[in-house]
Structure formats: structure tokens, C-alpha cells
PDB file of N, CA and C in Angstrom:
ATOM      1  N   MET A   1     103.558  41.866  59.042  1.00  0.00           N
ATOM      2  CA  MET A   1     103.092  43.170  58.444  1.00  0.00           C
ATOM      3  C   MET A   1     102.770  44.489  58.874  1.00  0.00           C
ATOM      4  N   LYS A   2     102.982  44.237  60.643  1.00  0.00           N
ATOM      5  CA  LYS A   2     102.667  45.653  61.056  1.00  0.00           C
ATOM      6  C   LYS A   2     103.486  46.492  60.935  1.00  0.00           C
ATOM      7  N   ASP A   3     104.840  46.541  60.203  1.00  0.00           N
ATOM      8  CA  ASP A   3     105.862  47.171  59.968  1.00  0.00           C
ATOM      9  C   ASP A   3     105.020  47.813  58.554  1.00  0.00           C
ATOM     10  N   LEU A   4     104.539  46.991  58.174  1.00  0.00           N
ATOM     11  CA  LEU A   4     104.279  47.574  56.495  1.00  0.00           C
ATOM     12  C   LEU A   4     103.235  49.012  56.978  1.00  0.00           C
ATOM     13  N   GLY A   5     102.166  48.638  57.929  1.00  0.00           N
ATOM     14  CA  GLY A   5     101.061  49.854  58.085  1.00  0.00           C
ATOM     15  C   GLY A   5     102.045  51.251  58.882  1.00  0.00           C
ATOM     16  N   GLY A   6     103.318  50.706  59.549  1.00  0.00           N
ATOM     17  CA  GLY A   6     103.727  51.973  60.380  1.00  0.00           C
ATOM     18  C   GLY A   6     104.292  52.462  59.101  1.00  0.00           C
ATOM     19  N   LEU A   7     105.281  51.764  58.456  1.00  0.00           N
ATOM     20  CA  LEU A   7     105.954  52.374  57.527  1.00  0.00           C
ATOM     21  C   LEU A   7     104.781  53.391  56.574  1.00  0.00           C
ATOM     22  N   MET A   8     103.830  52.939  56.382  1.00  0.00           N
ATOM     23  CA  MET A   8     103.167  53.228  55.327  1.00  0.00           C
ATOM     24  C   MET A   8     102.410  55.195  56.017  1.00  0.00           C
ATOM     25  N   LYS A   9     102.522  54.787  57.572  1.00  0.00           N
ATOM     26  CA  LYS A   9     101.801  56.051  58.501  1.00  0.00           C
ATOM     27  C   LYS A   9     103.201  56.577  58.062  1.00  0.00           C
ATOM     28  N   GLN A  10     104.019  56.816  57.793  1.00  0.00           N
ATOM     29  CA  GLN A  10     105.309  57.326  57.838  1.00  0.00           C
ATOM     30  C   GLN A  10     105.547  57.962  56.686  1.00  0.00           C
ATOM     31  N   ALA A  11     105.706  57.275  55.369  1.00  0.00           N
ATOM     32  CA  ALA A  11     105.336  57.841  54.254  1.00  0.00           C
ATOM     33  C   ALA A  11     104.698  58.966  54.081  1.00  0.00           C
ATOM     34  N   GLN A  12     103.158  58.811  54.331  1.00  0.00           N
ATOM     35  CA  GLN A  12     101.885  59.783  54.540  1.00  0.00           C
ATOM     36  C   GLN A  12     102.427  61.148  55.463  1.00  0.00           C
ATOM     37  N   ALA A  13     103.272  61.052  56.602  1.00  0.00           N
ATOM     38  CA  ALA A  13     103.814  62.188  57.408  1.00  0.00           C
ATOM     39  C   ALA A  13     104.731  62.555  56.489  1.00  0.00           C
ATOM     40  N   MET A  14     105.923  61.788  55.643  1.00  0.00           N
ATOM     41  CA  MET A  14     106.955  62.597  55.327  1.00  0.00           C
ATOM     42  C   MET A  14     106.168  63.262  53.886  1.00  0.00           C
ATOM     43  N   GLN A  15     105.471  62.507  53.094  1.00  0.00           N
ATOM     44  CA  GLN A  15     104.819  63.327  52.352  1.00  0.00           C
ATOM     45  C   GLN A  15     104.266  64.561  52.099  1.00  0.00           C
ATOM     46  N   GLN A  16     103.173  64.781  53.566  1.00  0.00           N
ATOM     47  CA  GLN A  16     102.670  66.048  54.360  1.00  0.00           C
ATOM     48  C   GLN A  16     103.867  67.029  54.360  1.00  0.00           C
ATOM     49  N   LYS A  17     104.933  66.365  55.022  1.00  0.00           N
ATOM     50  CA  LYS A  17     106.228  67.528  55.719  1.00  0.00           C
ATOM     51  C   LYS A  17     106.446  68.337  54.567  1.00  0.00           C
ATOM     52  N   LEU A  18     106.809  67.218  53.148  1.00  0.00           N
ATOM     53  CA  LEU A  18     107.251  68.079  51.872  1.00  0.00           C
ATOM     54  C   LEU A  18     106.371  68.920  51.376  1.00  0.00           C
ATOM     55  N   GLN A  19     105.135  68.322  51.177  1.00  0.00           N
ATOM     56  CA  GLN A  19     104.081  69.237  50.880  1.00  0.00           C
ATOM     57  C   GLN A  19     104.416  70.709  51.621  1.00  0.00           C
ATOM     58  N   ASP A  20     104.496  70.720  52.793  1.00  0.00           N
ATOM     59  CA  ASP A  20     104.810  71.808  53.602  1.00  0.00           C
ATOM     60  C   ASP A  20     105.832  72.781  53.121  1.00  0.00           C
ATOM     61  N   ALA A  21     107.143  71.753  53.013  1.00  0.00           N
ATOM     62  CA  ALA A  21     108.166  72.373  52.690  1.00  0.00           C
ATOM     63  C   ALA A  21     108.060  73.009  51.319  1.00  0.00           C
ATOM     64  N   GLN A  22     107.791  72.520  50.341  1.00  0.00           N
ATOM     65  CA  GLN A  22     107.359  73.063  49.125  1.00  0.00           C
ATOM     66  C   GLN A  22     106.532  74.136  49.009  1.00  0.00           C
ATOM     67  N   ALA A  23     105.538  74.576  50.173  1.00  0.00           N
ATOM     68  CA  ALA A  23     104.726  75.573  50.038  1.00  0.00           C
ATOM     69  C   ALA A  23     105.684  76.880  50.420  1.00  0.00           C
ATOM     70  N   ARG A  24     106.066  76.432  51.478  1.00  0.00           N
ATOM     71  CA  ARG A  24     107.306  77.655  52.929  1.00  0.00           C
ATOM     72  C   ARG A  24     108.275  77.545  51.370  1.00  0.00           C
ATOM     73  N   LEU A  25     108.743  76.653  50.517  1.00  0.00           N
ATOM     74  CA  LEU A  25     109.681  77.506  49.731  1.00  0.00           C
ATOM     75  C   LEU A  25     109.473  78.361  48.650  1.00  0.00           C
ATOM     76  N   ALA A  26     108.147  78.124  48.026  1.00  0.00           N
ATOM     77  CA  ALA A  26     107.715  79.036  47.220  1.00  0.00           C
ATOM     78  C   ALA A  26     107.481  80.516  47.483  1.00  0.00           C
ATOM     79  N   GLU A  27     107.105  80.851  48.748  1.00  0.00           N
ATOM     80  CA  GLU A  27     106.840  81.893  49.771  1.00  0.00           C
ATOM     81  C   GLU A  27     108.024  82.493  49.604  1.00  0.00           C
ATOM     82  N   THR A  28     109.903  81.688  49.626  1.00  0.00           N
ATOM     83  CA  THR A  28     110.763  81.795  49.941  1.00  0.00           C
ATOM     84  C   THR A  28     111.523  83.002  49.329  1.00  0.00           C
ATOM     85  N   THR A  29     112.544  84.203  49.691  1.00  0.00           N
ATOM     86  CA  THR A  29     112.965  84.631  48.400  1.00  0.00           C
ATOM     87  C   THR A  29     114.466  84.338  49.079  1.00  0.00           C
ATOM     88  N   VAL A  30     115.339  84.457  47.742  1.00  0.00           N
ATOM     89  CA  VAL A  30     117.001  84.629  48.302  1.00  0.00           C
ATOM     90  C   VAL A  30     117.517  85.790  47.516  1.00  0.00           C
ATOM     91  N   ASP A  31     118.808  86.547  47.784  1.00  0.00           N
ATOM     92  CA  ASP A  31     119.118  87.427  46.831  1.00  0.00           C
ATOM     93  C   ASP A  31     120.604  87.154  46.856  1.00  0.00           C
ATOM     94  N   GLY A  32     121.169  87.395  45.428  1.00  0.00           N
ATOM     95  CA  GLY A  32     122.386  86.925  45.114  1.00  0.00           C
ATOM     96  C   GLY A  32     122.812  88.171  44.718  1.00  0.00           C
ATOM     97  N   THR A  33     124.608  88.557  44.998  1.00  0.00           N
ATOM     98  CA  THR A  33     125.016  89.521  44.435  1.00  0.00           C
ATOM     99  C   THR A  33     126.245  89.402  44.133  1.00  0.00           C
ATOM    100  N   SER A  34     126.666  90.472  43.219  1.00  0.00           N
ATOM    101  CA  SER A  34     128.022  90.343  42.273  1.00  0.00           C
ATOM    102  C   SER A  34     128.698  91.845  42.447  1.00  0.00           C
ATOM    103  N   GLY A  35     129.666  91.963  42.064  1.00  0.00           N
ATOM    104  CA  GLY A  35     130.509  93.097  41.532  1.00  0.00           C
ATOM    105  C   GLY A  35     130.542  93.367  43.465  1.00  0.00           C
ATOM    106  N   GLY A  36     131.116  93.016  44.078  1.00  0.00           N
ATOM    107  CA  GLY A  36     131.069  93.548  45.684  1.00  0.00           C
ATOM    108  C   GLY A  36     129.601  94.489  46.006  1.00  0.00           C
ATOM    109  N   GLY A  37     128.700  93.944  45.538  1.00  0.00           N
ATOM    110  CA  GLY A  37     127.137  93.994  46.205  1.00  0.00           C
ATOM    111  C   GLY A  37     126.649  95.507  44.843  1.00  0.00           C
ATOM    112  N   MET A  38     127.214  95.366  43.857  1.00  0.00           N
ATOM    113  CA  MET A  38     127.163  96.570  43.293  1.00  0.00           C
ATOM    114  C   MET A  38     125.314  95.795  42.321  1.00  0.00           C
ATOM    115  N   VAL A  39     125.413  94.608  42.031  1.00  0.00           N
ATOM    116  CA  VAL A  39     124.011  94.408  41.558  1.00  0.00           C
ATOM    117  C   VAL A  39     124.034  93.447  42.362  1.00  0.00           C
ATOM    118  N   THR A  40     122.192  93.453  42.729  1.00  0.00           N
ATOM    119  CA  THR A  40     121.429  92.254  43.877  1.00  0.00           C
ATOM    120  C   THR A  40     120.473  91.915  43.032  1.00  0.00           C
ATOM    121  N   VAL A  41     120.338  90.491  42.661  1.00  0.00           N
ATOM    122  CA  VAL A  41     118.995  90.078  42.241  1.00  0.00           C
ATOM    123  C   VAL A  41     118.389  89.059  43.208  1.00  0.00           C
ATOM    124  N   THR A  42     116.926  89.155  43.636  1.00  0.00           N
ATOM    125  CA  THR A  42     116.168  88.452  44.352  1.00  0.00           C
ATOM    126  C   THR A  42     114.900  87.297  43.546  1.00  0.00           C
ATOM    127  N   LEU A  43     115.607  86.177  44.299  1.00  0.00           N
ATOM    128  CA  LEU A  43     114.867  85.374  43.189  1.00  0.00           C
ATOM    129  C   LEU A  43     113.390  84.530  44.336  1.00  0.00           C
ATOM    130  N   MET A  44     112.227  84.055  43.207  1.00  0.00           N
ATOM    131  CA  MET A  44     111.604  83.661  44.254  1.00  0.00           C
ATOM    132  C   MET A  44     112.044  82.021  44.362  1.00  0.00           C
ATOM    133  N   GLY A  45     111.366  81.385  45.689  1.00  0.00           N
ATOM    134  CA  GLY A  45     111.377  80.287  45.778  1.00  0.00           C
ATOM    135  C   GLY A  45     111.153  79.377  44.461  1.00  0.00           C
ATOM    136  N   ASN A  46     110.420  79.404  43.186  1.00  0.00           N
ATOM    137  CA  ASN A  46     110.318  78.911  42.148  1.00  0.00           C
ATOM    138  C   ASN A  46     111.383  79.007  41.536  1.00  0.00           C
ATOM    139  N   GLY A  47     112.040  80.085  41.867  1.00  0.00           N
ATOM    140  CA  GLY A  47     113.428  80.648  40.902  1.00  0.00           C
ATOM    141  C   GLY A  47     113.048  81.617  39.701  1.00  0.00           C
ATOM    142  N   GLU A  48     111.594  81.913  40.080  1.00  0.00           N
ATOM    143  CA  GLU A  48     111.501  83.508  39.154  1.00  0.00           C
ATOM    144  C   GLU A  48     112.345  84.576  40.100  1.00  0.00           C
ATOM    145  N   LEU A  49     113.125  85.255  39.067  1.00  0.00           N
ATOM    146  CA  LEU A  49     113.752  86.604  39.127  1.00  0.00           C
ATOM    147  C   LEU A  49     112.427  87.592  39.379  1.00  0.00           C
ATOM    148  N   VAL A  50     113.026  88.257  40.140  1.00  0.00           N
ATOM    149  CA  VAL A  50     111.482  89.397  40.746  1.00  0.00           C
ATOM    150  C   VAL A  50     112.084  90.670  41.288  1.00  0.00           C
ATOM    151  N   ARG A  51     113.037  90.808  41.030  1.00  0.00           N
ATOM    152  CA  ARG A  51     113.766  91.824  41.514  1.00  0.00           C
ATOM    153  C   ARG A  51     115.406  92.011  41.067  1.00  0.00           C
ATOM    154  N   VAL A  52     115.691  93.656  40.502  1.00  0.00           N
ATOM    155  CA  VAL A  52     117.085  93.401  40.055  1.00  0.00           C
ATOM    156  C   VAL A  52     117.123  94.792  40.480  1.00  0.00           C
ATOM    157  N   LEU A  53     118.382  95.053  41.539  1.00  0.00           N
ATOM    158  CA  LEU A  53     119.091  96.254  42.134  1.00  0.00           C
ATOM    159  C   LEU A  53     120.640  96.944  41.382  1.00  0.00           C
ATOM    160  N   MET A  54     120.705  97.609  40.908  1.00  0.00           N
ATOM    161  CA  MET A  54     122.422  98.021  40.335  1.00  0.00           C
ATOM    162  C   MET A  54     122.466  99.516  41.128  1.00  0.00           C
ATOM    163  N   ASP A  55     123.808  99.524  41.537  1.00  0.00           N
ATOM    164  CA  ASP A  55     124.538 100.952  41.898  1.00  0.00           C
ATOM    165  C   ASP A  55     124.328 101.639  40.839  1.00  0.00           C
ATOM    166  N   GLU A  56     124.028 102.958  40.804  1.00  0.00           N
ATOM    167  CA  GLU A  56     123.684 103.815  39.990  1.00  0.00           C
ATOM    168  C   GLU A  56     125.023 104.087  39.161  1.00  0.00           C
ATOM    169  N   SER A  57     126.075 104.193  39.851  1.00  0.00           N
ATOM    170  CA  SER A  57     127.724 104.137  38.911  1.00  0.00           C
ATOM    171  C   SER A  57     127.518 103.275  37.703  1.00  0.00           C
ATOM    172  N   LEU A  58     126.837 102.218  38.008  1.00  0.00           N
ATOM    173  CA  LEU A  58     127.007 101.322  36.562  1.00  0.00           C
ATOM    174  C   LEU A  58     126.490 101.845  35.189  1.00  0.00           C
ATOM    175  N   VAL A  59     125.101 102.920  35.573  1.00  0.00           N
ATOM    176  CA  VAL A  59     124.804 102.983  34.273  1.00  0.00           C
ATOM    177  C   VAL A  59     125.228 104.095  33.760  1.00  0.00           C
ATOM    178  N   GLN A  60     126.555 103.668  32.765  1.00  0.00           N
ATOM    179  CA  GLN A  60     127.432 104.656  32.252  1.00  0.00           C
ATOM    180  C   GLN A  60     127.126 104.349  30.764  1.00  0.00           C
ATOM    181  N   PRO A  61     127.349 105.285  29.709  1.00  0.00           N
ATOM    182  CA  PRO A  61     127.311 104.758  28.595  1.00  0.00           C
ATOM    183  C   PRO A  61     128.369 103.531  28.406  1.00  0.00           C
ATOM    184  N   GLY A  62     128.479 102.740  27.412  1.00  0.00           N
ATOM    185  CA  GLY A  62     129.418 101.897  27.454  1.00  0.00           C
ATOM    186  C   GLY A  62     129.760 100.869  28.696  1.00  0.00           C
ATOM    187  N   GLU A  63     128.660 100.462  29.326  1.00  0.00           N
ATOM    188  CA  GLU A  63     128.698  99.489  30.608  1.00  0.00           C
ATOM    189  C   GLU A  63     127.796  98.293  30.508  1.00  0.00           C
ATOM    190  N   GLY A  64     126.933  98.635  29.436  1.00  0.00           N
ATOM    191  CA  GLY A  64     126.133  97.833  29.452  1.00  0.00           C
ATOM    192  C   GLY A  64     126.734  95.996  29.413  1.00  0.00           C
ATOM    193  N   GLU A  65     127.638  95.759  28.435  1.00  0.00           N
ATOM    194  CA  GLU A  65     128.086  94.594  29.074  1.00  0.00           C
ATOM    195  C   GLU A  65     128.497  94.402  30.246  1.00  0.00           C
ATOM    196  N   VAL A  66     128.919  94.895  30.951  1.00  0.00           N
ATOM    197  CA  VAL A  66     129.168  94.837  32.478  1.00  0.00           C
ATOM    198  C   VAL A  66     128.163  94.578  33.373  1.00  0.00           C
ATOM    199  N   ILE A  67     127.454  95.480  33.155  1.00  0.00           N
ATOM    200  CA  ILE A  67     125.966  95.263  33.639  1.00  0.00           C
ATOM    201  C   ILE A  67     125.563  93.802  33.693  1.00  0.00           C
ATOM    202  N   ALA A  68     125.333  93.387  32.162  1.00  0.00           N
ATOM    203  CA  ALA A  68     125.139  92.376  31.963  1.00  0.00           C
ATOM    204  C   ALA A  68     125.781  91.443  32.669  1.00  0.00           C
ATOM    205  N   ASP A  69     126.646  90.782  32.361  1.00  0.00           N
ATOM    206  CA  ASP A  69     127.783  89.975  32.993  1.00  0.00           C
ATOM    207  C   ASP A  69     127.259  90.001  35.124  1.00  0.00           C
ATOM    208  N   LEU A  70     127.175  90.925  35.187  1.00  0.00           N
ATOM    209  CA  LEU A  70     127.098  91.451  36.981  1.00  0.00           C
ATOM    210  C   LEU A  70     125.247  90.392  37.095  1.00  0.00           C
ATOM    211  N   ILE A  71     124.534  90.990  36.331  1.00  0.00           N
ATOM    212  CA  ILE A  71     123.214  90.410  36.683  1.00  0.00           C
ATOM    213  C   ILE A  71     123.211  89.283  36.482  1.00  0.00           C
ATOM    214  N   ILE A  72     123.797  88.379  35.328  1.00  0.00           N
ATOM    215  CA  ILE A  72     123.857  86.707  35.340  1.00  0.00           C
ATOM    216  C   ILE A  72     124.567  86.462  36.582  1.00  0.00           C
ATOM    217  N   ALA A  73     125.753  86.757  36.921  1.00  0.00           N
ATOM    218  CA  ALA A  73     126.587  86.554  38.160  1.00  0.00           C
ATOM    219  C   ALA A  73     125.272  86.515  39.334  1.00  0.00           C
ATOM    220  N   ALA A  74     125.009  87.990  39.640  1.00  0.00           N
ATOM    221  CA  ALA A  74     124.251  88.007  40.886  1.00  0.00           C
ATOM    222  C   ALA A  74     122.892  86.962  41.102  1.00  0.00           C
ATOM    223  N   HIS A  75     122.753  86.766  39.436  1.00  0.00           N
ATOM    224  CA  HIS A  75     121.577  85.391  39.654  1.00  0.00           C
ATOM    225  C   HIS A  75     121.847  83.970  39.809  1.00  0.00           C
ATOM    226  N   ALA A  76     123.080  84.087  39.210  1.00  0.00           N
ATOM    227  CA  ALA A  76     123.757  82.398  39.395  1.00  0.00           C
ATOM    228  C   ALA A  76     124.147  82.324  40.549  1.00  0.00           C
ATOM    229  N   ASP A  77     124.682  83.754  41.726  1.00  0.00           N
ATOM    230  CA  ASP A  77     124.654  83.327  42.947  1.00  0.00           C
ATOM    231  C   ASP A  77     123.263  83.344  43.802  1.00  0.00           C
ATOM    232  N   ALA A  78     122.453  83.880  43.729  1.00  0.00           N
ATOM    233  CA  ALA A  78     120.951  83.720  44.172  1.00  0.00           C
ATOM    234  C   ALA A  78     120.649  82.140  44.109  1.00  0.00           C
ATOM    235  N   LYS A  79     120.797  81.150  42.863  1.00  0.00           N
ATOM    236  CA  LYS A  79     120.111  80.260  42.136  1.00  0.00           C
ATOM    237  C   LYS A  79     120.878  79.442  43.200  1.00  0.00           C
ATOM    238  N   LYS A  80     122.395  79.444  43.642  1.00  0.00           N
ATOM    239  CA  LYS A  80     123.028  78.501  44.210  1.00  0.00           C
ATOM    240  C   LYS A  80     122.730  78.974  45.816  1.00  0.00           C
ATOM    241  N   LYS A  81     122.443  79.765  46.287  1.00  0.00           N
ATOM    242  CA  LYS A  81     121.816  79.818  47.731  1.00  0.00           C
ATOM    243  C   LYS A  81     120.291  78.984  47.458  1.00  0.00           C
ATOM    244  N   LEU A  82     119.415  79.405  46.624  1.00  0.00           N
ATOM    245  CA  LEU A  82     117.794  78.690  46.629  1.00  0.00           C
ATOM    246  C   LEU A  82     117.936  77.417  46.578  1.00  0.00           C
ATOM    247  N   ASP A  83     118.960  76.410  45.784  1.00  0.00           N
ATOM    248  CA  ASP A  83     119.357  75.268  45.654  1.00  0.00           C
ATOM    249  C   ASP A  83     119.656  74.817  46.955  1.00  0.00           C
ATOM    250  N   ALA A  84     120.442  75.558  47.840  1.00  0.00           N
ATOM    251  CA  ALA A  84     121.002  74.981  48.533  1.00  0.00           C
ATOM    252  C   ALA A  84     120.003  75.090  49.771  1.00  0.00           C
ATOM    253  N   LYS A  85     118.801  75.977  49.766  1.00  0.00           N
ATOM    254  CA  LYS A  85     117.825  76.083  50.359  1.00  0.00           C
ATOM    255  C   LYS A  85     116.816  75.054  50.327  1.00  0.00           C
ATOM    256  N   GLN A  86     116.570  74.927  48.911  1.00  0.00           N
ATOM    257  CA  GLN A  86     115.669  74.024  48.706  1.00  0.00           C
ATOM    258  C   GLN A  86     116.046  72.237  49.349  1.00  0.00           C
ATOM    259  N   ALA A  87     117.474  72.320  49.311  1.00  0.00           N
ATOM    260  CA  ALA A  87     117.541  70.828  49.523  1.00  0.00           C
ATOM    261  C   ALA A  87     117.773  70.433  50.914  1.00  0.00           C
ATOM    262  N   GLN A  88     118.275  71.455  51.784  1.00  0.00           N
ATOM    263  CA  GLN A  88     118.152  71.729  53.310  1.00  0.00           C
ATOM    264  C   GLN A  88     116.797  71.555  53.933  1.00  0.00           C
ATOM    265  N   MET A  89     115.662  72.507  53.015  1.00  0.00           N
ATOM    266  CA  MET A  89     114.316  72.125  53.439  1.00  0.00           C
ATOM    267  C   MET A  89     113.772  70.593  52.878  1.00  0.00           C
ATOM    268  N   MET A  90     114.591  70.174  52.165  1.00  0.00           N
ATOM    269  CA  MET A  90     113.685  68.927  51.780  1.00  0.00           C
ATOM    270  C   MET A  90     114.373  67.883  52.994  1.00  0.00           C
ATOM    271  N   GLN A  91     115.451  68.083  53.268  1.00  0.00           N
ATOM    272  CA  GLN A  91     116.185  67.266  53.828  1.00  0.00           C
ATOM    273  C   GLN A  91     115.503  67.144  55.508  1.00  0.00           C
ATOM    274  N   ASP A  92     115.724  68.448  55.669  1.00  0.00           N
ATOM    275  CA  ASP A  92     114.697  68.385  56.970  1.00  0.00           C
ATOM    276  C   ASP A  92     113.214  67.669  57.016  1.00  0.00           C
ATOM    277  N   ALA A  93     112.399  68.018  55.865  1.00  0.00           N
ATOM    278  CA  ALA A  93     111.237  67.762  55.734  1.00  0.00           C
ATOM    279  C   ALA A  93     111.300  65.889  56.037  1.00  0.00           C
ATOM    280  N   ALA A  94     112.124  65.625  55.080  1.00  0.00           N
ATOM    281  CA  ALA A  94     111.906  63.961  54.809  1.00  0.00           C
ATOM    282  C   ALA A  94     112.629  63.759  56.386  1.00  0.00           C
ATOM    283  N   GLY A  95     113.501  64.000  56.772  1.00  0.00           N
ATOM    284  CA  GLY A  95     113.796  63.323  58.363  1.00  0.00           C
ATOM    285  C   GLY A  95     114.793  61.902  57.886  1.00  0.00           C
ATOM    286  N   PRO A  96     114.239  60.994  58.839  1.00  0.00           N
ATOM    287  CA  PRO A  96     114.675  59.753  58.672  1.00  0.00           C
ATOM    288  C   PRO A  96     114.638  58.653  57.395  1.00  0.00           C
ATOM    289  N   MET A  97     113.894  59.341  56.668  1.00  0.00           N
ATOM    290  CA  MET A  97     113.797  58.662  55.371  1.00  0.00           C
ATOM    291  C   MET A  97     114.326  59.432  54.281  1.00  0.00           C
ATOM    292  N   ALA A  98     115.447  60.417  54.595  1.00  0.00           N
ATOM    293  CA  ALA A  98     115.835  61.020  53.426  1.00  0.00           C
ATOM    294  C   ALA A  98     116.450  60.100  52.702  1.00  0.00           C
ATOM    295  N   GLY A  99     117.415  59.296  52.947  1.00  0.00           N
ATOM    296  CA  GLY A  99     118.207  58.165  52.682  1.00  0.00           C
ATOM    297  C   GLY A  99     117.497  57.285  51.618  1.00  0.00           C
ATOM    298  N   LEU A 100     116.073  56.814  51.936  1.00  0.00           N
ATOM    299  CA  LEU A 100     115.129  56.090  51.023  1.00  0.00           C
ATOM    300  C   LEU A 100     115.335  57.000  49.935  1.00  0.00           C
ATOM    301  N   MET A 101     114.822  58.190  49.942  1.00  0.00           N
ATOM    302  CA  MET A 101     114.210  59.171  49.022  1.00  0.00           C
ATOM    303  C   MET A 101     115.328  59.472  48.183  1.00  0.00           C
ATOM    304  N   GLY A 102     116.421  59.332  48.351  1.00  0.00           N
ATOM    305  CA  GLY A 102     117.348  59.340  47.154  1.00  0.00           C
ATOM    306  C   GLY A 102     117.219  59.539  45.878  1.00  0.00           C
ATOM    307  N   GLY A 103     116.963  58.484  45.604  1.00  0.00           N
ATOM    308  CA  GLY A 103     116.629  57.635  44.361  1.00  0.00           C
ATOM    309  C   GLY A 103     115.281  57.905  43.353  1.00  0.00           C
ATOM    310  N   LEU A 104     114.538  58.560  44.169  1.00  0.00           N
ATOM    311  CA  LEU A 104     113.356  58.734  43.351  1.00  0.00           C
ATOM    312  C   LEU A 104     113.088  59.889  42.059  1.00  0.00           C
ATOM    313  N   PRO A 105     112.657  60.010  41.499  1.00  0.00           N
ATOM    314  CA  PRO A 105     112.720  60.862  40.503  1.00  0.00           C
ATOM    315  C   PRO A 105     112.014  62.176  40.890  1.00  0.00           C
ATOM    316  N   GLY A 106     112.528  63.715  40.770  1.00  0.00           N
ATOM    317  CA  GLY A 106     111.818  64.365  41.365  1.00  0.00           C
ATOM    318  C   GLY A 106     112.455  65.133  42.706  1.00  0.00           C
ATOM    319  N   MET A 107     113.131  64.439  43.580  1.00  0.00           N
ATOM    320  CA  MET A 107     113.319  64.503  45.018  1.00  0.00           C
ATOM    321  C   MET A 107     114.807  64.990  45.041  1.00  0.00           C
ATOM    322  N   LYS A 108     114.675  65.941  45.142  1.00  0.00           N
ATOM    323  CA  LYS A 108     116.236  66.388  45.543  1.00  0.00           C
ATOM    324  C   LYS A 108     116.600  66.519  46.804  1.00  0.00           C
ATOM    325  N   PHE A 109     118.130  65.634  46.665  1.00  0.00           N
ATOM    326  CA  PHE A 109     118.353  66.025  48.257  1.00  0.00           C
ATOM    327  C   PHE A 109     119.954  66.321  48.115  1.00  0.00           C
TER     328      PHE A 109
END
């Protein structure tokens, strides 16, 4: 049963590391771009869209649909980067126990 105590300590340490990683992720921002850099969006670690930057050449009458499509594409790019960053941070925090955590609800690896 000595191993059980060690396993519990490892689990508690991993839990703390995961909480720390989640806190760091919440403060993280990622940028996504589309249209060759004509549109850039910034997402917070929780997925909140906090900024949209557009090249002024897009702001022309009749370009609304193009702008909307570029914003959606830039958001998708940023979300993909955020998901990858989140997965890496959680993987790093879980360390050698990551393989054990893959099947737990709410854990993304």
C-alpha cells in the first residue's frame, strides 16, 4: 500500500500543475489571421474574442460579406491555435500521468 500513498501524492501534484496551467491559459492570448493578414482576431485563453483588426481596404461598400467571411476564418485560425496551446499546456502539466488522464471527462489531451 506504500505505492498508493505515492500515487496519491503524484495525483495531488498533478492536479495543482493542471490548475496552474489553466490559470496561465486564461491569461494567454492568441492571434488568428485570414486574407493574407488582412484580418486578425485575438482570443483570450477562455475563447473570448477580444479584438478584431482589419485592413482599411476592406471597408468598402459591398464588402460586408467578404469581411464577415474573413473574420470567421481568422477566428477559426485563432481557435485552432488556442486549442493546440491548451492541449500542450495540459500535457506538460500532467507529465507522466497524462496517459492515465486521457479518459477522464473534461480533460483534453
